Protein backbone atom coordinates (compact mmCIF):
# COMPACT_ATOMS: atom_id res chain seq x y z
CA UNK A 1 5.04 -16.74 0.22
CA UNK A 2 9.08 -16.41 -0.69
CA UNK A 3 9.53 -18.22 2.76
CA UNK A 4 10.55 -22.17 1.80
CA UNK A 5 9.25 -22.68 5.62
CA UNK A 6 5.67 -21.22 5.95
CA UNK A 7 5.48 -22.63 2.60
CA UNK A 8 5.97 -26.09 4.12
CA UNK A 9 3.93 -24.98 7.00
CA UNK A 10 0.61 -24.02 5.06
CA UNK A 11 1.13 -27.88 2.83
CA UNK A 12 0.90 -29.70 6.03
CA UNK A 13 -1.38 -27.73 7.32
CA UNK A 14 -3.95 -28.39 4.86
CA UNK A 15 -2.72 -32.20 5.21
CA UNK A 16 -3.98 -32.33 8.81
CA UNK A 17 -7.16 -30.29 8.07
CA UNK A 18 -7.49 -32.95 5.12
CA UNK A 19 -7.79 -36.06 7.26
CA UNK A 20 -9.47 -34.39 9.95
CA UNK A 21 -12.44 -33.31 7.75
CA UNK A 22 -13.00 -36.98 7.44
CA UNK A 23 -14.38 -37.63 10.44
CA UNK A 24 -17.58 -36.00 9.12
CA UNK A 25 -20.23 -37.43 7.60
CA UNK A 26 -19.46 -35.79 4.38
CA UNK A 27 -15.93 -34.83 5.12
CA UNK A 28 -14.33 -37.03 2.17
CA UNK A 29 -15.81 -34.33 -0.33
CA UNK A 30 -13.63 -31.77 1.73
CA UNK A 31 -10.94 -33.96 1.80
CA UNK A 32 -10.64 -34.47 -1.91
CA UNK A 33 -10.93 -30.84 -2.80
CA UNK A 34 -7.89 -30.37 -0.41
CA UNK A 35 -6.14 -32.90 -1.43
CA UNK A 36 -6.05 -30.95 -5.13
CA UNK A 37 -5.61 -27.54 -3.52
CA UNK A 38 -2.40 -29.31 -1.83
CA UNK A 39 -1.67 -30.79 -4.76
CA UNK A 40 -1.61 -27.42 -6.64
CA UNK A 41 0.63 -26.12 -3.78
CA UNK A 42 3.02 -28.23 -3.83
CA UNK A 43 3.67 -28.60 -7.85
CA UNK A 44 3.20 -24.59 -7.93
CA UNK A 45 5.60 -23.42 -4.73
CA UNK A 46 8.12 -26.60 -3.57
CA UNK A 47 10.80 -25.84 -5.68
CA UNK A 48 14.27 -24.77 -4.93
CA UNK A 49 14.76 -21.28 -4.48
CA UNK A 50 18.18 -21.31 -6.73
CA UNK A 51 18.16 -23.72 -8.96
CA UNK A 52 13.98 -23.88 -9.68
CA UNK A 53 13.85 -27.48 -9.68
CA UNK A 54 11.23 -29.81 -7.87
CA UNK A 55 11.90 -30.45 -4.23
CA UNK A 56 11.20 -34.03 -3.02
CA UNK A 57 8.43 -34.45 -0.36
CA UNK A 58 10.70 -35.75 2.61
CA UNK A 59 13.17 -32.10 3.26
CA UNK A 60 16.65 -31.97 3.33
CA UNK A 61 18.72 -28.73 4.38
CA UNK A 62 20.19 -28.76 1.20
CA UNK A 63 18.85 -28.62 -2.48
CA UNK A 64 19.53 -32.47 -4.56
CA UNK A 65 19.70 -30.98 -7.32
CA UNK A 66 22.21 -27.98 -7.14
CA UNK A 67 23.58 -28.69 -3.30
CA UNK A 68 22.52 -24.99 -1.95
CA UNK A 69 21.41 -24.93 1.38
CA UNK A 70 17.26 -23.79 1.69
CA UNK A 71 16.61 -24.54 4.99
CA UNK A 72 17.75 -22.57 8.20
């Protein structure tokens, strides 16, 4: 996964599935597992491609650390 937009879509997709799992009787177990996976993916992959610093949850078109454009 090289594109930052694809990484963001994956993280938001898992986030939505996590909440949909709560509709089922034992969905909280699935939600906890997905929350752990989502946290790992965010910490591992949501970095600026230029300076490698972590990006905030609210995405901006520019990196808040180095100022380079990260979103098209």
